[in-house]
PDB file of N, CA and C in Angstrom:
ATOM      1  N   UNK A   1       0.841  -1.182   0.000  1.00  0.00           N
ATOM      2  CA  UNK A   1       0.000   0.000   0.000  1.00  0.00           C
ATOM      3  C   UNK A   1       0.882   1.240   0.000  1.00  0.00           C
ATOM      4  N   UNK A   2       0.585   2.162  -0.866  1.00  0.00           N
ATOM      5  CA  UNK A   2       1.356   3.402  -0.977  1.00  0.00           C
ATOM      6  C   UNK A   2       0.741   4.487  -0.104  1.00  0.00           C
ATOM      7  N   UNK A   3       1.602   5.326   0.426  1.00  0.00           N
ATOM      8  CA  UNK A   3       1.167   6.442   1.248  1.00  0.00           C
ATOM      9  C   UNK A   3       1.469   7.739   0.511  1.00  0.00           C
ATOM     10  N   UNK A   4       0.476   8.604   0.403  1.00  0.00           N
ATOM     11  CA  UNK A   4       0.709   9.920  -0.192  1.00  0.00           C
ATOM     12  C   UNK A   4       1.117  10.883   0.912  1.00  0.00           C
ATOM     13  N   UNK A   5       2.250  11.533   0.690  1.00  0.00           N
ATOM     14  CA  UNK A   5       2.742  12.532   1.634  1.00  0.00           C
ATOM     15  C   UNK A   5       3.292  13.701   0.835  1.00  0.00           C
ATOM     16  N   UNK A   6       2.591  14.825   0.876  1.00  0.00           N
ATOM     17  CA  UNK A   6       3.049  16.013   0.173  1.00  0.00           C
ATOM     18  C   UNK A   6       4.111  16.724   1.007  1.00  0.00           C
ATOM     19  N   UNK A   7       5.060  17.353   0.329  1.00  0.00           N
ATOM     20  CA  UNK A   7       6.195  17.998   0.973  1.00  0.00           C
ATOM     21  C   UNK A   7       6.281  19.454   0.534  1.00  0.00           C
ATOM     22  N   UNK A   8       6.806  20.298   1.397  1.00  0.00           N
ATOM     23  CA  UNK A   8       7.057  21.698   1.055  1.00  0.00           C
ATOM     24  C   UNK A   8       8.487  22.036   1.426  1.00  0.00           C
ATOM     25  N   UNK A   9       9.221  22.633   0.473  1.00  0.00           N
ATOM     26  CA  UNK A   9      10.610  23.022   0.685  1.00  0.00           C
ATOM     27  C   UNK A   9      10.825  24.439   0.149  1.00  0.00           C
ATOM     28  N   UNK A  10      11.971  25.008   0.441  1.00  0.00           N
ATOM     29  CA  UNK A  10      12.313  26.364  -0.003  1.00  0.00           C
ATOM     30  C   UNK A  10      13.279  26.278  -1.184  1.00  0.00           C
ATOM     31  N   UNK A  11      13.049  27.112  -2.196  1.00  0.00           N
ATOM     32  CA  UNK A  11      13.897  27.096  -3.391  1.00  0.00           C
ATOM     33  C   UNK A  11      15.356  27.407  -3.059  1.00  0.00           C
ATOM     34  N   UNK A  12      16.241  26.882  -3.904  1.00  0.00           N
ATOM     35  CA  UNK A  12      17.683  27.144  -3.847  1.00  0.00           C
ATOM     36  C   UNK A  12      18.337  26.731  -2.530  1.00  0.00           C
ATOM     37  N   UNK A  13      17.748  25.765  -1.835  1.00  0.00           N
ATOM     38  CA  UNK A  13      18.340  25.224  -0.615  1.00  0.00           C
ATOM     39  C   UNK A  13      18.643  23.747  -0.826  1.00  0.00           C
ATOM     40  N   UNK A  14      19.742  23.264  -0.237  1.00  0.00           N
ATOM     41  CA  UNK A  14      19.969  21.830  -0.133  1.00  0.00           C
ATOM     42  C   UNK A  14      19.053  21.353   0.987  1.00  0.00           C
ATOM     43  N   UNK A  15      18.215  20.365   0.708  1.00  0.00           N
ATOM     44  CA  UNK A  15      17.212  19.929   1.675  1.00  0.00           C
ATOM     45  C   UNK A  15      17.443  18.466   2.020  1.00  0.00           C
ATOM     46  N   UNK A  16      17.454  18.174   3.323  1.00  0.00           N
ATOM     47  CA  UNK A  16      17.554  16.793   3.797  1.00  0.00           C
ATOM     48  C   UNK A  16      16.240  16.441   4.477  1.00  0.00           C
ATOM     49  N   UNK A  17      15.596  15.404   3.982  1.00  0.00           N
ATOM     50  CA  UNK A  17      14.305  14.969   4.504  1.00  0.00           C
ATOM     51  C   UNK A  17      14.439  13.563   5.069  1.00  0.00           C
ATOM     52  N   UNK A  18      13.863  13.325   6.235  1.00  0.00           N
ATOM     53  CA  UNK A  18      13.912  12.010   6.880  1.00  0.00           C
ATOM     54  C   UNK A  18      12.566  11.316   6.724  1.00  0.00           C
ATOM     55  N   UNK A  19      12.605  10.029   6.399  1.00  0.00           N
ATOM     56  CA  UNK A  19      11.397   9.238   6.188  1.00  0.00           C
ATOM     57  C   UNK A  19      11.472   7.932   6.959  1.00  0.00           C
ATOM     58  N   UNK A  20      10.309   7.408   7.313  1.00  0.00           N
ATOM     59  CA  UNK A  20      10.171   6.056   7.835  1.00  0.00           C
ATOM     60  C   UNK A  20       9.099   5.365   7.012  1.00  0.00           C
ATOM     61  N   UNK A  21       9.459   4.236   6.412  1.00  0.00           N
ATOM     62  CA  UNK A  21       8.486   3.484   5.618  1.00  0.00           C
ATOM     63  C   UNK A  21       7.831   2.453   6.526  1.00  0.00           C
ATOM     64  N   UNK A  22       6.498   2.482   6.532  1.00  0.00           N
ATOM     65  CA  UNK A  22       5.730   1.547   7.348  1.00  0.00           C
ATOM     66  C   UNK A  22       4.679   0.845   6.494  1.00  0.00           C
ATOM     67  N   UNK A  23       4.214  -0.265   7.011  1.00  0.00           N
ATOM     68  CA  UNK A  23       3.106  -0.986   6.401  1.00  0.00           C
ATOM     69  C   UNK A  23       2.237  -1.523   7.534  1.00  0.00           C
ATOM     70  N   UNK A  24       0.968  -1.190   7.521  1.00  0.00           N
ATOM     71  CA  UNK A  24       0.029  -1.605   8.561  1.00  0.00           C
ATOM     72  C   UNK A  24       0.533  -1.223   9.952  1.00  0.00           C
ATOM     73  N   UNK A  25       1.169  -0.050  10.038  1.00  0.00           N
ATOM     74  CA  UNK A  25       1.623   0.461  11.323  1.00  0.00           C
ATOM     75  C   UNK A  25       2.977  -0.042  11.785  1.00  0.00           C
ATOM     76  N   UNK A  26       3.581  -0.959  11.044  1.00  0.00           N
ATOM     77  CA  UNK A  26       4.893  -1.499  11.425  1.00  0.00           C
ATOM     78  C   UNK A  26       5.956  -1.049  10.423  1.00  0.00           C
ATOM     79  N   UNK A  27       7.162  -0.831  10.926  1.00  0.00           N
ATOM     80  CA  UNK A  27       8.272  -0.427  10.054  1.00  0.00           C
ATOM     81  C   UNK A  27       8.580  -1.533   9.048  1.00  0.00           C
ATOM     82  N   UNK A  28       8.902  -1.126   7.835  1.00  0.00           N
ATOM     83  CA  UNK A  28       9.325  -2.063   6.795  1.00  0.00           C
ATOM     84  C   UNK A  28      10.841  -2.159   6.859  1.00  0.00           C
ATOM     85  N   UNK A  29      11.365  -3.354   7.082  1.00  0.00           N
ATOM     86  CA  UNK A  29      12.813  -3.553   7.102  1.00  0.00           C
ATOM     87  C   UNK A  29      13.339  -3.360   5.681  1.00  0.00           C
ATOM     88  N   UNK A  30      14.210  -2.393   5.487  1.00  0.00           N
ATOM     89  CA  UNK A  30      14.720  -2.064   4.156  1.00  0.00           C
ATOM     90  C   UNK A  30      15.845  -2.989   3.701  1.00  0.00           C
ATOM     91  N   UNK A  31      16.309  -3.867   4.587  1.00  0.00           N
ATOM     92  CA  UNK A  31      17.343  -4.825   4.206  1.00  0.00           C
ATOM     93  C   UNK A  31      16.841  -5.703   3.071  1.00  0.00           C
ATOM     94  N   UNK A  32      17.650  -5.868   2.052  1.00  0.00           N
ATOM     95  CA  UNK A  32      17.261  -6.690   0.913  1.00  0.00           C
ATOM     96  C   UNK A  32      16.490  -5.949  -0.162  1.00  0.00           C
ATOM     97  N   UNK A  33      16.167  -4.690   0.077  1.00  0.00           N
ATOM     98  CA  UNK A  33      15.473  -3.880  -0.923  1.00  0.00           C
ATOM     99  C   UNK A  33      16.434  -2.905  -1.585  1.00  0.00           C
ATOM    100  N   UNK A  34      16.150  -2.576  -2.833  1.00  0.00           N
ATOM    101  CA  UNK A  34      16.808  -1.477  -3.515  1.00  0.00           C
ATOM    102  C   UNK A  34      15.856  -0.291  -3.417  1.00  0.00           C
ATOM    103  N   UNK A  35      16.346   0.800  -2.867  1.00  0.00           N
ATOM    104  CA  UNK A  35      15.549   1.998  -2.623  1.00  0.00           C
ATOM    105  C   UNK A  35      15.865   3.040  -3.691  1.00  0.00           C
ATOM    106  N   UNK A  36      14.825   3.598  -4.324  1.00  0.00           N
ATOM    107  CA  UNK A  36      15.001   4.702  -5.272  1.00  0.00           C
ATOM    108  C   UNK A  36      13.922   5.748  -5.033  1.00  0.00           C
ATOM    109  N   UNK A  37      14.276   6.999  -5.308  1.00  0.00           N
ATOM    110  CA  UNK A  37      13.311   8.096  -5.297  1.00  0.00           C
ATOM    111  C   UNK A  37      13.427   8.810  -6.639  1.00  0.00           C
ATOM    112  N   UNK A  38      12.298   9.031  -7.272  1.00  0.00           N
ATOM    113  CA  UNK A  38      12.270   9.756  -8.541  1.00  0.00           C
ATOM    114  C   UNK A  38      11.591  11.102  -8.304  1.00  0.00           C
ATOM    115  N   UNK A  39      12.211  12.165  -8.799  1.00  0.00           N
ATOM    116  CA  UNK A  39      11.674  13.526  -8.723  1.00  0.00           C
ATOM    117  C   UNK A  39      11.515  14.023 -10.148  1.00  0.00           C
ATOM    118  N   UNK A  40      10.277  14.420 -10.507  1.00  0.00           N
ATOM    119  CA  UNK A  40      10.023  14.870 -11.877  1.00  0.00           C
ATOM    120  C   UNK A  40       8.955  15.946 -11.886  1.00  0.00           C
ATOM    121  N   UNK A  41       8.708  16.543 -13.068  1.00  0.00           N
ATOM    122  CA  UNK A  41       7.798  17.686 -13.154  1.00  0.00           C
ATOM    123  C   UNK A  41       6.356  17.346 -12.832  1.00  0.00           C
ATOM    124  N   UNK A  42       5.903  16.149 -13.172  1.00  0.00           N
ATOM    125  CA  UNK A  42       4.530  15.755 -12.863  1.00  0.00           C
ATOM    126  C   UNK A  42       4.437  14.235 -12.878  1.00  0.00           C
ATOM    127  N   UNK A  43       3.358  13.708 -12.314  1.00  0.00           N
ATOM    128  CA  UNK A  43       3.178  12.261 -12.242  1.00  0.00           C
ATOM    129  C   UNK A  43       3.123  11.629 -13.628  1.00  0.00           C
ATOM    130  N   UNK A  44       2.580  12.347 -14.600  1.00  0.00           N
ATOM    131  CA  UNK A  44       2.415  11.808 -15.940  1.00  0.00           C
ATOM    132  C   UNK A  44       3.662  11.814 -16.809  1.00  0.00           C
ATOM    133  N   UNK A  45       4.690  12.524 -16.371  1.00  0.00           N
ATOM    134  CA  UNK A  45       5.929  12.582 -17.150  1.00  0.00           C
ATOM    135  C   UNK A  45       6.705  11.270 -16.989  1.00  0.00           C
ATOM    136  N   UNK A  46       7.410  10.845 -18.035  1.00  0.00           N
ATOM    137  CA  UNK A  46       8.245   9.644 -17.896  1.00  0.00           C
ATOM    138  C   UNK A  46       9.341   9.855 -16.844  1.00  0.00           C
ATOM    139  N   UNK A  47       9.688   8.791 -16.130  1.00  0.00           N
ATOM    140  CA  UNK A  47      10.747   8.882 -15.123  1.00  0.00           C
ATOM    141  C   UNK A  47      12.049   9.406 -15.717  1.00  0.00           C
ATOM    142  N   UNK A  48      12.295   9.093 -16.974  1.00  0.00           N
ATOM    143  CA  UNK A  48      13.550   9.497 -17.627  1.00  0.00           C
ATOM    144  C   UNK A  48      13.678  11.016 -17.745  1.00  0.00           C
ATOM    145  N   UNK A  49      12.576  11.759 -17.585  1.00  0.00           N
ATOM    146  CA  UNK A  49      12.635  13.219 -17.666  1.00  0.00           C
ATOM    147  C   UNK A  49      12.995  13.851 -16.327  1.00  0.00           C
ATOM    148  N   UNK A  50      13.028  13.049 -15.274  1.00  0.00           N
ATOM    149  CA  UNK A  50      13.318  13.568 -13.941  1.00  0.00           C
ATOM    150  C   UNK A  50      14.690  13.166 -13.450  1.00  0.00           C
ATOM    151  N   UNK A  51      14.858  13.211 -12.143  1.00  0.00           N
ATOM    152  CA  UNK A  51      16.098  12.815 -11.490  1.00  0.00           C
ATOM    153  C   UNK A  51      15.798  11.627 -10.595  1.00  0.00           C
ATOM    154  N   UNK A  52      16.616  10.582 -10.713  1.00  0.00           N
ATOM    155  CA  UNK A  52      16.466   9.408  -9.862  1.00  0.00           C
ATOM    156  C   UNK A  52      17.574   9.408  -8.826  1.00  0.00           C
ATOM    157  N   UNK A  53      17.181   9.279  -7.564  1.00  0.00           N
ATOM    158  CA  UNK A  53      18.115   9.235  -6.443  1.00  0.00           C
ATOM    159  C   UNK A  53      18.205   7.783  -5.959  1.00  0.00           C
ATOM    160  N   UNK A  54      19.419   7.369  -5.604  1.00  0.00           N
ATOM    161  CA  UNK A  54      19.663   6.011  -5.111  1.00  0.00           C
ATOM    162  C   UNK A  54      20.547   6.102  -3.873  1.00  0.00           C
ATOM    163  N   UNK A  55      20.890   4.962  -3.306  1.00  0.00           N
ATOM    164  CA  UNK A  55      21.794   4.969  -2.154  1.00  0.00           C
ATOM    165  C   UNK A  55      23.205   5.361  -2.571  1.00  0.00           C
ATOM    166  N   UNK A  56      23.444   5.485  -3.866  1.00  0.00           N
ATOM    167  CA  UNK A  56      24.727   6.003  -4.358  1.00  0.00           C
ATOM    168  C   UNK A  56      24.661   7.497  -4.648  1.00  0.00           C
ATOM    169  N   UNK A  57      23.443   8.057  -4.649  1.00  0.00           N
ATOM    170  CA  UNK A  57      23.290   9.467  -5.017  1.00  0.00           C
ATOM    171  C   UNK A  57      22.086  10.104  -4.320  1.00  0.00           C
ATOM    172  N   UNK A  58      22.272  10.505  -3.067  1.00  0.00           N
ATOM    173  CA  UNK A  58      21.259  11.293  -2.386  1.00  0.00           C
ATOM    174  C   UNK A  58      20.423  10.572  -1.344  1.00  0.00           C
ATOM    175  N   UNK A  59      20.410   9.247  -1.346  1.00  0.00           N
ATOM    176  CA  UNK A  59      19.651   8.499  -0.347  1.00  0.00           C
ATOM    177  C   UNK A  59      20.603   7.819   0.619  1.00  0.00           C
ATOM    178  N   UNK A  60      20.263   7.875   1.903  1.00  0.00           N
ATOM    179  CA  UNK A  60      21.045   7.189   2.930  1.00  0.00           C
ATOM    180  C   UNK A  60      20.086   6.407   3.808  1.00  0.00           C
ATOM    181  N   UNK A  61      20.277   5.109   3.872  1.00  0.00           N
ATOM    182  CA  UNK A  61      19.489   4.296   4.789  1.00  0.00           C
ATOM    183  C   UNK A  61      20.106   4.479   6.166  1.00  0.00           C
ATOM    184  N   UNK A  62      19.356   5.075   7.068  1.00  0.00           N
ATOM    185  CA  UNK A  62      19.885   5.404   8.397  1.00  0.00           C
ATOM    186  C   UNK A  62      19.614   4.308   9.421  1.00  0.00           C
ATOM    187  N   UNK A  63      18.544   3.541   9.230  1.00  0.00           N
ATOM    188  CA  UNK A  63      18.237   2.404  10.104  1.00  0.00           C
ATOM    189  C   UNK A  63      17.353   1.455   9.303  1.00  0.00           C
ATOM    190  N   UNK A  64      17.985   0.470   8.653  1.00  0.00           N
ATOM    191  CA  UNK A  64      17.251  -0.432   7.761  1.00  0.00           C
ATOM    192  C   UNK A  64      16.130  -1.160   8.485  1.00  0.00           C
ATOM    193  N   UNK A  65      16.409  -1.705   9.672  1.00  0.00           N
ATOM    194  CA  UNK A  65      15.407  -2.482  10.405  1.00  0.00           C
ATOM    195  C   UNK A  65      14.192  -1.639  10.780  1.00  0.00           C
ATOM    196  N   UNK A  66      14.406  -0.341  10.996  1.00  0.00           N
ATOM    197  CA  UNK A  66      13.313   0.560  11.373  1.00  0.00           C
ATOM    198  C   UNK A  66      12.686   1.252  10.164  1.00  0.00           C
ATOM    199  N   UNK A  67      13.131   0.916   8.937  1.00  0.00           N
ATOM    200  CA  UNK A  67      12.563   1.494   7.724  1.00  0.00           C
ATOM    201  C   UNK A  67      12.914   2.946   7.495  1.00  0.00           C
ATOM    202  N   UNK A  68      14.041   3.404   8.065  1.00  0.00           N
ATOM    203  CA  UNK A  68      14.370   4.829   8.032  1.00  0.00           C
ATOM    204  C   UNK A  68      15.457   5.156   7.004  1.00  0.00           C
ATOM    205  N   UNK A  69      15.217   6.260   6.297  1.00  0.00           N
ATOM    206  CA  UNK A  69      16.214   6.768   5.351  1.00  0.00           C
ATOM    207  C   UNK A  69      16.094   8.275   5.240  1.00  0.00           C
ATOM    208  N   UNK A  70      17.148   8.898   4.728  1.00  0.00           N
ATOM    209  CA  UNK A  70      17.115  10.327   4.436  1.00  0.00           C
ATOM    210  C   UNK A  70      17.307  10.533   2.938  1.00  0.00           C
ATOM    211  N   UNK A  71      16.731  11.615   2.462  1.00  0.00           N
ATOM    212  CA  UNK A  71      16.824  12.006   1.052  1.00  0.00           C
ATOM    213  C   UNK A  71      17.398  13.407   1.020  1.00  0.00           C
ATOM    214  N   UNK A  72      18.568  13.548   0.434  1.00  0.00           N
ATOM    215  CA  UNK A  72      19.198  14.851   0.256  1.00  0.00           C
ATOM    216  C   UNK A  72      18.897  15.334  -1.154  1.00  0.00           C
ATOM    217  N   UNK A  73      18.150  16.434  -1.239  1.00  0.00           N
ATOM    218  CA  UNK A  73      17.832  17.032  -2.536  1.00  0.00           C
ATOM    219  C   UNK A  73      18.733  18.245  -2.707  1.00  0.00           C
ATOM    220  N   UNK A  74      19.630  18.220  -3.686  1.00  0.00           N
ATOM    221  CA  UNK A  74      20.510  19.376  -3.887  1.00  0.00           C
ATOM    222  C   UNK A  74      19.746  20.594  -4.405  1.00  0.00           C
ATOM    223  N   UNK A  75      20.277  21.760  -4.092  1.00  0.00           N
ATOM    224  CA  UNK A  75      19.625  23.013  -4.494  1.00  0.00           C
ATOM    225  C   UNK A  75      19.416  23.111  -6.002  1.00  0.00           C
ATOM    226  N   UNK A  76      20.247  22.423  -6.781  1.00  0.00           N
ATOM    227  CA  UNK A  76      20.088  22.477  -8.236  1.00  0.00           C
ATOM    228  C   UNK A  76      18.766  21.859  -8.694  1.00  0.00           C
ATOM    229  N   UNK A  77      18.198  20.956  -7.894  1.00  0.00           N
ATOM    230  CA  UNK A  77      16.901  20.376  -8.213  1.00  0.00           C
ATOM    231  C   UNK A  77      15.745  21.230  -7.700  1.00  0.00           C
ATOM    232  N   UNK A  78      16.080  22.269  -6.927  1.00  0.00           N
ATOM    233  CA  UNK A  78      15.064  23.131  -6.316  1.00  0.00           C
ATOM    234  C   UNK A  78      15.302  24.583  -6.702  1.00  0.00           C
ATOM    235  N   UNK A  79      15.714  24.797  -7.941  1.00  0.00           N
ATOM    236  CA  UNK A  79      16.140  26.125  -8.381  1.00  0.00           C
ATOM    237  C   UNK A  79      15.003  27.083  -8.685  1.00  0.00           C
ATOM    238  N   UNK A  80      13.782  26.559  -8.862  1.00  0.00           N
ATOM    239  CA  UNK A  80      12.677  27.461  -9.164  1.00  0.00           C
ATOM    240  C   UNK A  80      11.407  27.016  -8.441  1.00  0.00           C
ATOM    241  N   UNK A  81      10.590  27.990  -8.022  1.00  0.00           N
ATOM    242  CA  UNK A  81       9.347  27.651  -7.340  1.00  0.00           C
ATOM    243  C   UNK A  81       8.408  26.878  -8.268  1.00  0.00           C
ATOM    244  N   UNK A  82       7.572  26.078  -7.663  1.00  0.00           N
ATOM    245  CA  UNK A  82       6.591  25.318  -8.430  1.00  0.00           C
ATOM    246  C   UNK A  82       6.270  24.019  -7.730  1.00  0.00           C
ATOM    247  N   UNK A  83       5.540  23.175  -8.439  1.00  0.00           N
ATOM    248  CA  UNK A  83       5.191  21.872  -7.896  1.00  0.00           C
ATOM    249  C   UNK A  83       5.802  20.776  -8.744  1.00  0.00           C
ATOM    250  N   UNK A  84       6.327  19.782  -8.065  1.00  0.00           N
ATOM    251  CA  UNK A  84       6.963  18.645  -8.702  1.00  0.00           C
ATOM    252  C   UNK A  84       6.376  17.373  -8.091  1.00  0.00           C
ATOM    253  N   UNK A  85       6.699  16.239  -8.656  1.00  0.00           N
ATOM    254  CA  UNK A  85       6.177  14.957  -8.205  1.00  0.00           C
ATOM    255  C   UNK A  85       7.327  14.073  -7.764  1.00  0.00           C
ATOM    256  N   UNK A  86       7.129  13.351  -6.665  1.00  0.00           N
ATOM    257  CA  UNK A  86       8.146  12.388  -6.238  1.00  0.00           C
ATOM    258  C   UNK A  86       7.502  11.039  -5.962  1.00  0.00           C
ATOM    259  N   UNK A  87       8.335   9.996  -6.039  1.00  0.00           N
ATOM    260  CA  UNK A  87       7.867   8.644  -5.771  1.00  0.00           C
ATOM    261  C   UNK A  87       9.004   7.846  -5.149  1.00  0.00           C
ATOM    262  N   UNK A  88       8.715   7.154  -4.055  1.00  0.00           N
ATOM    263  CA  UNK A  88       9.686   6.293  -3.373  1.00  0.00           C
ATOM    264  C   UNK A  88       9.342   4.855  -3.734  1.00  0.00           C
ATOM    265  N   UNK A  89      10.293   4.154  -4.360  1.00  0.00           N
ATOM    266  CA  UNK A  89      10.073   2.761  -4.758  1.00  0.00           C
ATOM    267  C   UNK A  89      11.021   1.825  -4.017  1.00  0.00           C
ATOM    268  N   UNK A  90      10.506   0.643  -3.695  1.00  0.00           N
ATOM    269  CA  UNK A  90      11.296  -0.437  -3.121  1.00  0.00           C
ATOM    270  C   UNK A  90      11.274  -1.591  -4.110  1.00  0.00           C
ATOM    271  N   UNK A  91      12.460  -2.125  -4.434  1.00  0.00           N
ATOM    272  CA  UNK A  91      12.551  -3.240  -5.374  1.00  0.00           C
ATOM    273  C   UNK A  91      13.289  -4.403  -4.727  1.00  0.00           C
ATOM    274  N   UNK A  92      12.789  -5.609  -5.005  1.00  0.00           N
ATOM    275  CA  UNK A  92      13.423  -6.824  -4.502  1.00  0.00           C
ATOM    276  C   UNK A  92      12.994  -7.996  -5.379  1.00  0.00           C
ATOM    277  N   UNK A  93      13.970  -8.768  -5.820  1.00  0.00           N
ATOM    278  CA  UNK A  93      13.653  -9.972  -6.592  1.00  0.00           C
ATOM    279  C   UNK A  93      12.848  -9.727  -7.845  1.00  0.00           C
ATOM    280  N   UNK A  94      13.063  -8.603  -8.500  1.00  0.00           N
ATOM    281  CA  UNK A  94      12.344  -8.293  -9.733  1.00  0.00           C
ATOM    282  C   UNK A  94      10.997  -7.612  -9.532  1.00  0.00           C
ATOM    283  N   UNK A  95      10.550  -7.490  -8.288  1.00  0.00           N
ATOM    284  CA  UNK A  95       9.285  -6.810  -7.992  1.00  0.00           C
ATOM    285  C   UNK A  95       9.562  -5.405  -7.467  1.00  0.00           C
ATOM    286  N   UNK A  96       8.796  -4.439  -7.942  1.00  0.00           N
ATOM    287  CA  UNK A  96       8.914  -3.054  -7.474  1.00  0.00           C
ATOM    288  C   UNK A  96       7.582  -2.592  -6.925  1.00  0.00           C
ATOM    289  N   UNK A  97       7.634  -1.957  -5.752  1.00  0.00           N
ATOM    290  CA  UNK A  97       6.437  -1.410  -5.118  1.00  0.00           C
ATOM    291  C   UNK A  97       6.677   0.044  -4.755  1.00  0.00           C
ATOM    292  N   UNK A  98       5.667   0.871  -4.956  1.00  0.00           N
ATOM    293  CA  UNK A  98       5.738   2.261  -4.531  1.00  0.00           C
ATOM    294  C   UNK A  98       5.319   2.335  -3.077  1.00  0.00           C
ATOM    295  N   UNK A  99       6.227   2.846  -2.240  1.00  0.00           N
ATOM    296  CA  UNK A  99       5.956   2.963  -0.812  1.00  0.00           C
ATOM    297  C   UNK A  99       5.339   4.315  -0.467  1.00  0.00           C
ATOM    298  N   UNK A 100       5.809   5.372  -1.143  1.00  0.00           N
ATOM    299  CA  UNK A 100       5.332   6.727  -0.874  1.00  0.00           C
ATOM    300  C   UNK A 100       5.350   7.508  -2.181  1.00  0.00           C
ATOM    301  N   UNK A 101       4.544   8.549  -2.221  1.00  0.00           N
ATOM    302  CA  UNK A 101       4.528   9.436  -3.382  1.00  0.00           C
ATOM    303  C   UNK A 101       3.859  10.736  -2.970  1.00  0.00           C
ATOM    304  N   UNK A 102       3.987  11.745  -3.819  1.00  0.00           N
ATOM    305  CA  UNK A 102       3.296  12.989  -3.549  1.00  0.00           C
ATOM    306  C   UNK A 102       3.872  14.162  -4.296  1.00  0.00           C
ATOM    307  N   UNK A 103       3.385  15.324  -3.938  1.00  0.00           N
ATOM    308  CA  UNK A 103       3.804  16.572  -4.554  1.00  0.00           C
ATOM    309  C   UNK A 103       4.876  17.211  -3.683  1.00  0.00           C
ATOM    310  N   UNK A 104       5.909  17.724  -4.315  1.00  0.00           N
ATOM    311  CA  UNK A 104       6.906  18.559  -3.653  1.00  0.00           C
ATOM    312  C   UNK A 104       6.637  19.988  -4.100  1.00  0.00           C
ATOM    313  N   UNK A 105       6.208  20.828  -3.173  1.00  0.00           N
ATOM    314  CA  UNK A 105       5.984  22.232  -3.474  1.00  0.00           C
ATOM    315  C   UNK A 105       7.255  22.998  -3.113  1.00  0.00           C
ATOM    316  N   UNK A 106       7.825  23.669  -4.102  1.00  0.00           N
ATOM    317  CA  UNK A 106       9.033  24.481  -3.903  1.00  0.00           C
ATOM    318  C   UNK A 106       8.580  25.923  -3.782  1.00  0.00           C
ATOM    319  N   UNK A 107       8.777  26.498  -2.596  1.00  0.00           N
ATOM    320  CA  UNK A 107       8.345  27.859  -2.291  1.00  0.00           C
ATOM    321  C   UNK A 107       9.465  28.848  -2.586  1.00  0.00           C
ATOM    322  N   UNK A 108       9.108  30.039  -3.046  1.00  0.00           N
ATOM    323  CA  UNK A 108      10.088  31.090  -3.278  1.00  0.00           C
ATOM    324  C   UNK A 108      10.672  31.519  -1.940  1.00  0.00           C
ATOM    325  N   UNK A 109      11.964  31.819  -1.956  1.00  0.00           N
ATOM    326  CA  UNK A 109      12.650  32.243  -0.715  1.00  0.00           C
ATOM    327  C   UNK A 109      12.363  33.689  -0.423  1.00  0.00           C
TER     328      UNK A 109
END
């Protein structure tokens, strides 16, 4: 089951956001999963038009057993006010599930 969580950030700032992925009220152990976050202009745009963050680029699993990770969004991705779309995916064994998604509102400074 996916959870919609809208976010608000300030333009031209490096932003670090902390998340906990849960299912039915319990933390999802991230061990064994590949974690990705896609940030793009809208939900309908192809993923290839956006930026994909991985544990090699912007994502840090801070406590796998507790389902916790941080997402560092560089200021270059937040250079102008507006609304963007993000999606957090977990992949394992060829299966991919969306854990979270929503709108990122970038506010003018």
